[in-house]
Amino acid sequence: MTERTKSHALRPPGLVARLSRARPTRPGEIYGVPGQGNTLWLSALSIAFFFFVWWLVTAMGWVRPLFVPSPASIVMKFVEIWNNGFTGTPFIEHVLISTARVFGAFLLACLIGLPLGLAMGMSPVIRGIFDPPIEFYRPIPPLAYLPLMIIWFGIGEMSKILLIFLSVFAPVVLGARSGVRSAAIEQIHAAYSFGATRWQVMRHVIMPSALPEILTAMRIGIGFGWTTLVAAEMVAATQGLGYMVLSASQFLQTPVVILGIFIIAIIAFAFDLLMRFLERRLVPWKGRM
């Protein structure tokens, strides 16, 4: 081996190679699993870079404050609304009302959608009955059937919660139905060969196999719920984060709009982290089979 080849071999890998390289293998593993590795520092740097660019753009005056207010003005607006409220309502009340609407609709969608999705995956009769209406309304934007919610259920809380419920319901049902198909037919046959009943196969074979997709569907569903919140609070609402965003946009209060967006994103991200934690505890075998 020449000196040039030796020096090239001893040269440390570049940044791109280090970032794309899989993590070192753990004891008992032969190859590292693609995609595994700690991304905490990269995420922290990404967030810091975003806020730095935001501060730089506003500090240099490249964009008017009406369109992109500075981070400091957002913080000051948050302190002001926290102390004085918004349109006569305390800030925490806006947060609690929106959270109650979204999570109330989410829990209702899970209570109805998960059993229905599992039943659709197990029974072709139930799948044939419920699959067409769910697939029909699923791609329709919530704003399209918002007028129907108002006509049928008025402008009270029912129409708001039902609108969010419908946006969450379809992903939860379809995720549970798809999860039933995750169970290996060999496992089902083995359970039946050992004398398991249909309920035991459902509980001990199908449910553990379906749980990863069910949790993923719940994460997706709650995201749709928060997305629909602003549309739901367009209906004669006087409280809530969506109401804050819409009301502030009408008066060009950009800091309030961005503040409302950040609060919605923080709550949704916190719930997503909780779902990831539950996923690691409830389905530790995910990605290892």
C-alpha atoms as a PDB file:
ATOM      1  CA  MET A   1       0.000   0.000   0.000  1.00  0.00           C
ATOM      2  CA  THR A   2       1.423   3.380  -1.027  1.00  0.00           C
ATOM      3  CA  GLU A   3       1.753   6.353   1.308  1.00  0.00           C
ATOM      4  CA  ARG A   4      -1.014   8.165  -0.546  1.00  0.00           C
ATOM      5  CA  THR A   5      -3.392   5.224  -0.121  1.00  0.00           C
ATOM      6  CA  LYS A   6      -2.503   4.964   3.569  1.00  0.00           C
ATOM      7  CA  SER A   7      -3.194   8.651   4.173  1.00  0.00           C
ATOM      8  CA  HIS A   8      -6.505   8.402   2.310  1.00  0.00           C
ATOM      9  CA  ALA A   9      -7.528   5.392   4.391  1.00  0.00           C
ATOM     10  CA  LEU A  10      -6.618   7.145   7.651  1.00  0.00           C
ATOM     11  CA  ARG A  11      -8.491  10.335   6.737  1.00  0.00           C
ATOM     12  CA  PRO A  12     -11.620  10.794   8.916  1.00  0.00           C
ATOM     13  CA  PRO A  13     -14.966  10.525   7.071  1.00  0.00           C
ATOM     14  CA  GLY A  14     -16.691  13.696   5.959  1.00  0.00           C
ATOM     15  CA  LEU A  15     -19.762  15.286   7.506  1.00  0.00           C
ATOM     16  CA  VAL A  16     -22.190  13.745   5.005  1.00  0.00           C
ATOM     17  CA  ALA A  17     -20.743  10.282   5.538  1.00  0.00           C
ATOM     18  CA  ARG A  18     -20.984  10.614   9.333  1.00  0.00           C
ATOM     19  CA  LEU A  19     -24.619  11.798   9.201  1.00  0.00           C
ATOM     20  CA  SER A  20     -25.708   9.059   6.779  1.00  0.00           C
ATOM     21  CA  ARG A  21     -23.891   6.297   8.639  1.00  0.00           C
ATOM     22  CA  ALA A  22     -26.033   3.942  10.734  1.00  0.00           C
ATOM     23  CA  ARG A  23     -25.454   3.732  14.463  1.00  0.00           C
ATOM     24  CA  PRO A  24     -22.969   1.133  15.806  1.00  0.00           C
ATOM     25  CA  THR A  25     -24.436  -2.312  16.268  1.00  0.00           C
ATOM     26  CA  ARG A  26     -25.562  -3.370  19.706  1.00  0.00           C
ATOM     27  CA  PRO A  27     -24.666  -6.675  21.366  1.00  0.00           C
ATOM     28  CA  GLY A  28     -26.554  -9.480  19.671  1.00  0.00           C
ATOM     29  CA  GLU A  29     -26.980  -7.557  16.394  1.00  0.00           C
ATOM     30  CA  ILE A  30     -25.114  -8.236  13.171  1.00  0.00           C
ATOM     31  CA  TYR A  31     -25.961  -5.091  11.241  1.00  0.00           C
ATOM     32  CA  GLY A  32     -27.059  -1.662  12.379  1.00  0.00           C
ATOM     33  CA  VAL A  33     -30.715  -0.893  11.695  1.00  0.00           C
ATOM     34  CA  PRO A  34     -31.102   1.862   9.063  1.00  0.00           C
ATOM     35  CA  GLY A  35     -32.534   5.050  10.497  1.00  0.00           C
ATOM     36  CA  GLN A  36     -31.686   4.327  14.124  1.00  0.00           C
ATOM     37  CA  GLY A  37     -29.583   6.773  16.068  1.00  0.00           C
ATOM     38  CA  ASN A  38     -29.805   9.748  18.386  1.00  0.00           C
ATOM     39  CA  THR A  39     -31.066  12.876  16.596  1.00  0.00           C
ATOM     40  CA  LEU A  40     -31.500  15.112  19.646  1.00  0.00           C
ATOM     41  CA  TRP A  41     -28.522  17.344  18.897  1.00  0.00           C
ATOM     42  CA  LEU A  42     -29.436  17.681  15.227  1.00  0.00           C
ATOM     43  CA  SER A  43     -33.002  18.626  16.177  1.00  0.00           C
ATOM     44  CA  ALA A  44     -31.760  21.202  18.694  1.00  0.00           C
ATOM     45  CA  LEU A  45     -29.407  22.706  16.106  1.00  0.00           C
ATOM     46  CA  SER A  46     -32.193  22.786  13.517  1.00  0.00           C
ATOM     47  CA  ILE A  47     -34.511  24.673  15.890  1.00  0.00           C
ATOM     48  CA  ALA A  48     -31.741  27.067  16.914  1.00  0.00           C
ATOM     49  CA  PHE A  49     -30.895  27.736  13.260  1.00  0.00           C
ATOM     50  CA  PHE A  50     -34.562  28.455  12.472  1.00  0.00           C
ATOM     51  CA  PHE A  51     -34.856  31.024  15.266  1.00  0.00           C
ATOM     52  CA  PHE A  52     -31.505  32.559  14.344  1.00  0.00           C
ATOM     53  CA  VAL A  53     -32.592  33.069  10.730  1.00  0.00           C
ATOM     54  CA  TRP A  54     -35.933  34.465  11.929  1.00  0.00           C
ATOM     55  CA  TRP A  55     -34.164  36.913  14.272  1.00  0.00           C
ATOM     56  CA  LEU A  56     -31.656  37.894  11.569  1.00  0.00           C
ATOM     57  CA  VAL A  57     -34.333  38.589   8.951  1.00  0.00           C
ATOM     58  CA  THR A  58     -36.336  40.794  11.320  1.00  0.00           C
ATOM     59  CA  ALA A  59     -33.306  42.504  12.884  1.00  0.00           C
ATOM     60  CA  MET A  60     -31.919  43.465   9.490  1.00  0.00           C
ATOM     61  CA  GLY A  61     -35.295  44.802   8.376  1.00  0.00           C
ATOM     62  CA  TRP A  62     -35.480  42.573   5.295  1.00  0.00           C
ATOM     63  CA  VAL A  63     -39.189  41.927   5.921  1.00  0.00           C
ATOM     64  CA  ARG A  64     -41.760  44.342   7.325  1.00  0.00           C
ATOM     65  CA  PRO A  65     -42.957  43.549  10.887  1.00  0.00           C
ATOM     66  CA  LEU A  66     -46.528  43.385   9.588  1.00  0.00           C
ATOM     67  CA  PHE A  67     -45.635  40.211   7.694  1.00  0.00           C
ATOM     68  CA  VAL A  68     -42.946  38.671   9.946  1.00  0.00           C
ATOM     69  CA  PRO A  69     -42.714  40.154  13.461  1.00  0.00           C
ATOM     70  CA  SER A  70     -39.560  39.580  15.465  1.00  0.00           C
ATOM     71  CA  PRO A  71     -39.274  36.768  18.036  1.00  0.00           C
ATOM     72  CA  ALA A  72     -39.055  39.387  20.790  1.00  0.00           C
ATOM     73  CA  SER A  73     -42.389  40.907  19.757  1.00  0.00           C
ATOM     74  CA  ILE A  74     -43.995  37.456  19.890  1.00  0.00           C
ATOM     75  CA  VAL A  75     -42.685  36.960  23.432  1.00  0.00           C
ATOM     76  CA  MET A  76     -43.929  40.396  24.501  1.00  0.00           C
ATOM     77  CA  LYS A  77     -47.346  39.699  22.964  1.00  0.00           C
ATOM     78  CA  PHE A  78     -47.476  36.376  24.830  1.00  0.00           C
ATOM     79  CA  VAL A  79     -46.751  38.130  28.142  1.00  0.00           C
ATOM     80  CA  GLU A  80     -49.390  40.750  27.368  1.00  0.00           C
ATOM     81  CA  ILE A  81     -52.077  38.180  26.515  1.00  0.00           C
ATOM     82  CA  TRP A  82     -51.097  36.024  29.479  1.00  0.00           C
ATOM     83  CA  ASN A  83     -51.597  38.985  31.823  1.00  0.00           C
ATOM     84  CA  ASN A  84     -54.590  40.671  30.184  1.00  0.00           C
ATOM     85  CA  GLY A  85     -56.243  37.903  28.173  1.00  0.00           C
ATOM     86  CA  PHE A  86     -57.598  38.177  24.633  1.00  0.00           C
ATOM     87  CA  THR A  87     -60.994  39.778  23.912  1.00  0.00           C
ATOM     88  CA  GLY A  88     -61.864  39.676  27.589  1.00  0.00           C
ATOM     89  CA  THR A  89     -61.064  35.962  28.076  1.00  0.00           C
ATOM     90  CA  PRO A  90     -57.973  34.711  29.955  1.00  0.00           C
ATOM     91  CA  PHE A  91     -55.371  33.115  27.729  1.00  0.00           C
ATOM     92  CA  ILE A  92     -55.365  29.827  29.625  1.00  0.00           C
ATOM     93  CA  GLU A  93     -59.114  29.573  29.066  1.00  0.00           C
ATOM     94  CA  HIS A  94     -58.623  29.849  25.302  1.00  0.00           C
ATOM     95  CA  VAL A  95     -56.073  27.026  25.513  1.00  0.00           C
ATOM     96  CA  LEU A  96     -58.240  24.789  27.693  1.00  0.00           C
ATOM     97  CA  ILE A  97     -61.343  25.238  25.539  1.00  0.00           C
ATOM     98  CA  SER A  98     -59.532  24.360  22.315  1.00  0.00           C
ATOM     99  CA  THR A  99     -57.779  21.427  23.980  1.00  0.00           C
ATOM    100  CA  ALA A 100     -61.091  20.126  25.328  1.00  0.00           C
ATOM    101  CA  ARG A 101     -62.685  20.354  21.880  1.00  0.00           C
ATOM    102  CA  VAL A 102     -59.869  18.532  20.116  1.00  0.00           C
ATOM    103  CA  PHE A 103     -59.267  15.816  22.702  1.00  0.00           C
ATOM    104  CA  GLY A 104     -62.988  15.320  23.332  1.00  0.00           C
ATOM    105  CA  ALA A 105     -63.507  14.672  19.620  1.00  0.00           C
ATOM    106  CA  PHE A 106     -60.353  12.539  19.547  1.00  0.00           C
ATOM    107  CA  LEU A 107     -61.481  10.308  22.425  1.00  0.00           C
ATOM    108  CA  LEU A 108     -64.922   9.923  20.859  1.00  0.00           C
ATOM    109  CA  ALA A 109     -63.342   8.980  17.525  1.00  0.00           C
ATOM    110  CA  CYS A 110     -61.132   6.381  19.241  1.00  0.00           C
ATOM    111  CA  LEU A 111     -64.016   4.895  21.239  1.00  0.00           C
ATOM    112  CA  ILE A 112     -66.083   4.417  18.082  1.00  0.00           C
ATOM    113  CA  GLY A 113     -63.414   4.136  15.395  1.00  0.00           C
ATOM    114  CA  LEU A 114     -61.051   1.573  16.914  1.00  0.00           C
ATOM    115  CA  PRO A 115     -63.677  -1.163  17.504  1.00  0.00           C
ATOM    116  CA  LEU A 116     -65.221  -0.418  14.110  1.00  0.00           C
ATOM    117  CA  GLY A 117     -61.855  -0.594  12.361  1.00  0.00           C
ATOM    118  CA  LEU A 118     -60.978  -3.879  14.056  1.00  0.00           C
ATOM    119  CA  ALA A 119     -64.400  -5.261  13.119  1.00  0.00           C
ATOM    120  CA  MET A 120     -63.910  -4.134   9.507  1.00  0.00           C
ATOM    121  CA  GLY A 121     -60.579  -5.919   9.422  1.00  0.00           C
ATOM    122  CA  MET A 122     -62.080  -9.118  10.858  1.00  0.00           C
ATOM    123  CA  SER A 123     -65.413  -9.233   9.029  1.00  0.00           C
ATOM    124  CA  PRO A 124     -65.938  -8.733   5.273  1.00  0.00           C
ATOM    125  CA  VAL A 125     -69.619  -8.000   5.929  1.00  0.00           C
ATOM    126  CA  ILE A 126     -68.872  -5.039   8.224  1.00  0.00           C
ATOM    127  CA  ARG A 127     -66.105  -3.900   5.893  1.00  0.00           C
ATOM    128  CA  GLY A 128     -68.494  -3.966   2.938  1.00  0.00           C
ATOM    129  CA  ILE A 129     -71.080  -1.905   4.838  1.00  0.00           C
ATOM    130  CA  PHE A 130     -68.871   0.804   6.355  1.00  0.00           C
ATOM    131  CA  ASP A 131     -65.951   1.066   3.922  1.00  0.00           C
ATOM    132  CA  PRO A 132     -67.777   3.000   1.139  1.00  0.00           C
ATOM    133  CA  PRO A 133     -69.123   5.877   3.305  1.00  0.00           C
ATOM    134  CA  ILE A 134     -65.811   6.274   5.160  1.00  0.00           C
ATOM    135  CA  GLU A 135     -63.778   6.268   1.960  1.00  0.00           C
ATOM    136  CA  PHE A 136     -66.283   8.658   0.380  1.00  0.00           C
ATOM    137  CA  TYR A 137     -66.032  11.414   2.977  1.00  0.00           C
ATOM    138  CA  ARG A 138     -62.387  10.867   3.997  1.00  0.00           C
ATOM    139  CA  PRO A 139     -60.754  12.979   1.220  1.00  0.00           C
ATOM    140  CA  ILE A 140     -63.314  15.791   1.522  1.00  0.00           C
ATOM    141  CA  PRO A 141     -61.865  18.875   3.290  1.00  0.00           C
ATOM    142  CA  PRO A 142     -63.698  19.721   6.551  1.00  0.00           C
ATOM    143  CA  LEU A 143     -64.490  23.202   5.236  1.00  0.00           C
ATOM    144  CA  ALA A 144     -66.576  21.582   2.487  1.00  0.00           C
ATOM    145  CA  TYR A 145     -69.067  20.018   4.907  1.00  0.00           C
ATOM    146  CA  LEU A 146     -68.839  22.770   7.529  1.00  0.00           C
ATOM    147  CA  PRO A 147     -72.040  24.435   6.180  1.00  0.00           C
ATOM    148  CA  LEU A 148     -73.896  21.140   6.586  1.00  0.00           C
ATOM    149  CA  MET A 149     -72.751  20.882  10.205  1.00  0.00           C
ATOM    150  CA  ILE A 150     -74.153  24.364  10.836  1.00  0.00           C
ATOM    151  CA  ILE A 151     -77.460  23.594   9.096  1.00  0.00           C
ATOM    152  CA  TRP A 152     -77.931  20.253  10.860  1.00  0.00           C
ATOM    153  CA  PHE A 153     -76.528  20.968  14.329  1.00  0.00           C
ATOM    154  CA  GLY A 154     -76.545  24.755  14.674  1.00  0.00           C
ATOM    155  CA  ILE A 155     -73.665  26.946  15.788  1.00  0.00           C
ATOM    156  CA  GLY A 156     -73.127  25.437  19.236  1.00  0.00           C
ATOM    157  CA  GLU A 157     -70.459  23.093  20.510  1.00  0.00           C
ATOM    158  CA  MET A 158     -72.015  20.077  18.776  1.00  0.00           C
ATOM    159  CA  SER A 159     -71.098  21.253  15.282  1.00  0.00           C
ATOM    160  CA  LYS A 160     -67.544  22.163  16.334  1.00  0.00           C
ATOM    161  CA  ILE A 161     -66.818  18.840  18.045  1.00  0.00           C
ATOM    162  CA  LEU A 162     -68.502  16.843  15.284  1.00  0.00           C
ATOM    163  CA  LEU A 163     -66.405  18.567  12.622  1.00  0.00           C
ATOM    164  CA  ILE A 164     -63.203  17.674  14.483  1.00  0.00           C
ATOM    165  CA  PHE A 165     -64.557  14.172  15.164  1.00  0.00           C
ATOM    166  CA  LEU A 166     -65.082  13.496  11.461  1.00  0.00           C
ATOM    167  CA  SER A 167     -61.544  14.608  10.622  1.00  0.00           C
ATOM    168  CA  VAL A 168     -60.093  12.203  13.217  1.00  0.00           C
ATOM    169  CA  PHE A 169     -62.521   9.317  12.707  1.00  0.00           C
ATOM    170  CA  ALA A 170     -61.449   8.145   9.231  1.00  0.00           C
ATOM    171  CA  PRO A 171     -57.678   7.840   9.940  1.00  0.00           C
ATOM    172  CA  VAL A 172     -58.359   5.969  13.186  1.00  0.00           C
ATOM    173  CA  VAL A 173     -60.768   3.509  11.540  1.00  0.00           C
ATOM    174  CA  LEU A 174     -58.535   2.854   8.545  1.00  0.00           C
ATOM    175  CA  GLY A 175     -55.457   2.464  10.754  1.00  0.00           C
ATOM    176  CA  ALA A 176     -57.194  -0.125  12.931  1.00  0.00           C
ATOM    177  CA  ARG A 177     -58.491  -1.967   9.866  1.00  0.00           C
ATOM    178  CA  SER A 178     -55.034  -2.018   8.302  1.00  0.00           C
ATOM    179  CA  GLY A 179     -53.490  -3.159  11.584  1.00  0.00           C
ATOM    180  CA  VAL A 180     -55.558  -6.354  11.559  1.00  0.00           C
ATOM    181  CA  ARG A 181     -53.807  -7.321   8.315  1.00  0.00           C
ATOM    182  CA  SER A 182     -50.424  -7.015  10.074  1.00  0.00           C
ATOM    183  CA  ALA A 183     -50.910 -10.311  11.904  1.00  0.00           C
ATOM    184  CA  ALA A 184     -49.025 -13.124  10.176  1.00  0.00           C
ATOM    185  CA  ILE A 185     -51.281 -15.902   8.980  1.00  0.00           C
ATOM    186  CA  GLU A 186     -48.789 -18.431  10.384  1.00  0.00           C
ATOM    187  CA  GLN A 187     -49.289 -17.021  13.868  1.00  0.00           C
ATOM    188  CA  ILE A 188     -53.072 -17.184  13.510  1.00  0.00           C
ATOM    189  CA  HIS A 189     -52.959 -20.781  12.287  1.00  0.00           C
ATOM    190  CA  ALA A 190     -50.578 -21.732  15.092  1.00  0.00           C
ATOM    191  CA  ALA A 191     -52.926 -20.228  17.695  1.00  0.00           C
ATOM    192  CA  TYR A 192     -55.915 -22.086  16.276  1.00  0.00           C
ATOM    193  CA  SER A 193     -53.916 -25.317  16.168  1.00  0.00           C
ATOM    194  CA  PHE A 194     -53.286 -24.982  19.906  1.00  0.00           C
ATOM    195  CA  GLY A 195     -57.023 -24.714  20.527  1.00  0.00           C
ATOM    196  CA  ALA A 196     -57.382 -20.931  20.834  1.00  0.00           C
ATOM    197  CA  THR A 197     -60.835 -19.458  20.418  1.00  0.00           C
ATOM    198  CA  ARG A 198     -61.603 -16.624  18.005  1.00  0.00           C
ATOM    199  CA  TRP A 199     -61.565 -14.116  20.887  1.00  0.00           C
ATOM    200  CA  GLN A 200     -58.199 -15.445  22.138  1.00  0.00           C
ATOM    201  CA  VAL A 201     -56.711 -15.133  18.655  1.00  0.00           C
ATOM    202  CA  MET A 202     -58.046 -11.598  18.484  1.00  0.00           C
ATOM    203  CA  ARG A 203     -56.655 -10.670  21.894  1.00  0.00           C
ATOM    204  CA  HIS A 204     -53.275 -12.438  21.871  1.00  0.00           C
ATOM    205  CA  VAL A 205     -52.319 -12.461  18.173  1.00  0.00           C
ATOM    206  CA  ILE A 206     -54.168  -9.837  16.153  1.00  0.00           C
ATOM    207  CA  MET A 207     -54.273  -7.006  18.711  1.00  0.00           C
ATOM    208  CA  PRO A 208     -50.502  -7.026  19.472  1.00  0.00           C
ATOM    209  CA  SER A 209     -49.791  -7.068  15.721  1.00  0.00           C
ATOM    210  CA  ALA A 210     -52.274  -4.264  15.042  1.00  0.00           C
ATOM    211  CA  LEU A 211     -51.203  -2.036  17.945  1.00  0.00           C
ATOM    212  CA  PRO A 212     -48.274  -0.298  16.149  1.00  0.00           C
ATOM    213  CA  GLU A 213     -50.504   0.780  13.261  1.00  0.00           C
ATOM    214  CA  ILE A 214     -53.292   1.772  15.648  1.00  0.00           C
ATOM    215  CA  LEU A 215     -50.939   4.072  17.586  1.00  0.00           C
ATOM    216  CA  THR A 216     -49.638   5.555  14.344  1.00  0.00           C
ATOM    217  CA  ALA A 217     -53.217   6.155  13.171  1.00  0.00           C
ATOM    218  CA  MET A 218     -54.000   7.881  16.468  1.00  0.00           C
ATOM    219  CA  ARG A 219     -51.003  10.178  16.021  1.00  0.00           C
ATOM    220  CA  ILE A 220     -52.124  11.024  12.496  1.00  0.00           C
ATOM    221  CA  GLY A 221     -55.714  11.489  13.623  1.00  0.00           C
ATOM    222  CA  ILE A 222     -54.902  13.968  16.388  1.00  0.00           C
ATOM    223  CA  GLY A 223     -52.889  15.944  13.834  1.00  0.00           C
ATOM    224  CA  PHE A 224     -55.957  16.191  11.609  1.00  0.00           C
ATOM    225  CA  GLY A 225     -57.947  17.244  14.672  1.00  0.00           C
ATOM    226  CA  TRP A 226     -55.691  20.211  15.380  1.00  0.00           C
ATOM    227  CA  THR A 227     -55.698  21.080  11.674  1.00  0.00           C
ATOM    228  CA  THR A 228     -59.499  21.201  11.716  1.00  0.00           C
ATOM    229  CA  LEU A 229     -59.655  23.240  14.928  1.00  0.00           C
ATOM    230  CA  VAL A 230     -59.374  26.612  13.184  1.00  0.00           C
ATOM    231  CA  ALA A 231     -62.149  25.667  10.763  1.00  0.00           C
ATOM    232  CA  ALA A 232     -64.340  24.433  13.627  1.00  0.00           C
ATOM    233  CA  GLU A 233     -63.900  27.657  15.581  1.00  0.00           C
ATOM    234  CA  MET A 234     -64.990  29.705  12.593  1.00  0.00           C
ATOM    235  CA  VAL A 235     -68.552  28.820  13.618  1.00  0.00           C
ATOM    236  CA  ALA A 236     -69.661  31.645  15.926  1.00  0.00           C
ATOM    237  CA  ALA A 237     -66.852  30.969  18.408  1.00  0.00           C
ATOM    238  CA  THR A 238     -65.826  33.546  20.971  1.00  0.00           C
ATOM    239  CA  GLN A 239     -63.146  31.466  22.702  1.00  0.00           C
ATOM    240  CA  GLY A 240     -60.343  29.146  21.670  1.00  0.00           C
ATOM    241  CA  LEU A 241     -56.975  29.247  19.951  1.00  0.00           C
ATOM    242  CA  GLY A 242     -58.525  29.002  16.493  1.00  0.00           C
ATOM    243  CA  TYR A 243     -60.769  31.943  17.340  1.00  0.00           C
ATOM    244  CA  MET A 244     -57.695  33.887  18.456  1.00  0.00           C
ATOM    245  CA  VAL A 245     -55.923  33.243  15.155  1.00  0.00           C
ATOM    246  CA  LEU A 246     -58.935  34.115  13.017  1.00  0.00           C
ATOM    247  CA  SER A 247     -59.896  37.200  15.020  1.00  0.00           C
ATOM    248  CA  ALA A 248     -56.336  38.535  15.068  1.00  0.00           C
ATOM    249  CA  SER A 249     -55.932  37.989  11.315  1.00  0.00           C
ATOM    250  CA  GLN A 250     -58.946  40.195  10.621  1.00  0.00           C
ATOM    251  CA  PHE A 251     -57.223  43.093  12.407  1.00  0.00           C
ATOM    252  CA  LEU A 252     -53.730  42.327  11.019  1.00  0.00           C
ATOM    253  CA  GLN A 253     -52.388  41.420  14.474  1.00  0.00           C
ATOM    254  CA  THR A 254     -49.652  39.189  13.097  1.00  0.00           C
ATOM    255  CA  PRO A 255     -47.927  38.540  16.467  1.00  0.00           C
ATOM    256  CA  VAL A 256     -51.164  37.086  17.866  1.00  0.00           C
ATOM    257  CA  VAL A 257     -51.603  34.925  14.759  1.00  0.00           C
ATOM    258  CA  ILE A 258     -48.080  33.523  15.027  1.00  0.00           C
ATOM    259  CA  LEU A 259     -48.451  33.090  18.788  1.00  0.00           C
ATOM    260  CA  GLY A 260     -51.642  31.060  18.309  1.00  0.00           C
ATOM    261  CA  ILE A 261     -49.942  28.915  15.681  1.00  0.00           C
ATOM    262  CA  PHE A 262     -47.009  28.252  18.008  1.00  0.00           C
ATOM    263  CA  ILE A 263     -49.279  27.293  20.921  1.00  0.00           C
ATOM    264  CA  ILE A 264     -51.241  24.859  18.739  1.00  0.00           C
ATOM    265  CA  ALA A 265     -48.004  23.346  17.433  1.00  0.00           C
ATOM    266  CA  ILE A 266     -46.523  22.989  20.930  1.00  0.00           C
ATOM    267  CA  ILE A 267     -49.603  21.211  22.312  1.00  0.00           C
ATOM    268  CA  ALA A 268     -49.827  18.911  19.287  1.00  0.00           C
ATOM    269  CA  PHE A 269     -46.105  18.119  19.453  1.00  0.00           C
ATOM    270  CA  ALA A 270     -46.288  17.407  23.183  1.00  0.00           C
ATOM    271  CA  PHE A 271     -49.091  14.910  22.566  1.00  0.00           C
ATOM    272  CA  ASP A 272     -47.080  13.347  19.752  1.00  0.00           C
ATOM    273  CA  LEU A 273     -44.138  12.886  22.117  1.00  0.00           C
ATOM    274  CA  LEU A 274     -46.497  11.227  24.608  1.00  0.00           C
ATOM    275  CA  MET A 275     -47.724   8.861  21.889  1.00  0.00           C
ATOM    276  CA  ARG A 276     -44.124   8.018  20.957  1.00  0.00           C
ATOM    277  CA  PHE A 277     -43.379   7.265  24.599  1.00  0.00           C
ATOM    278  CA  LEU A 278     -46.429   4.997  24.846  1.00  0.00           C
ATOM    279  CA  GLU A 279     -45.421   3.322  21.597  1.00  0.00           C
ATOM    280  CA  ARG A 280     -41.981   2.488  22.994  1.00  0.00           C
ATOM    281  CA  ARG A 281     -43.586   1.041  26.137  1.00  0.00           C
ATOM    282  CA  LEU A 282     -46.543  -0.785  24.572  1.00  0.00           C
ATOM    283  CA  VAL A 283     -44.921  -2.095  21.395  1.00  0.00           C
ATOM    284  CA  PRO A 284     -41.190  -2.450  22.139  1.00  0.00           C
ATOM    285  CA  TRP A 285     -40.948  -5.097  19.408  1.00  0.00           C
ATOM    286  CA  LYS A 286     -41.837  -2.631  16.634  1.00  0.00           C
ATOM    287  CA  GLY A 287     -39.116  -2.631  13.981  1.00  0.00           C
ATOM    288  CA  ARG A 288     -37.379  -5.667  15.486  1.00  0.00           C
ATOM    289  CA  MET A 289     -39.400  -8.452  13.873  1.00  0.00           C
END
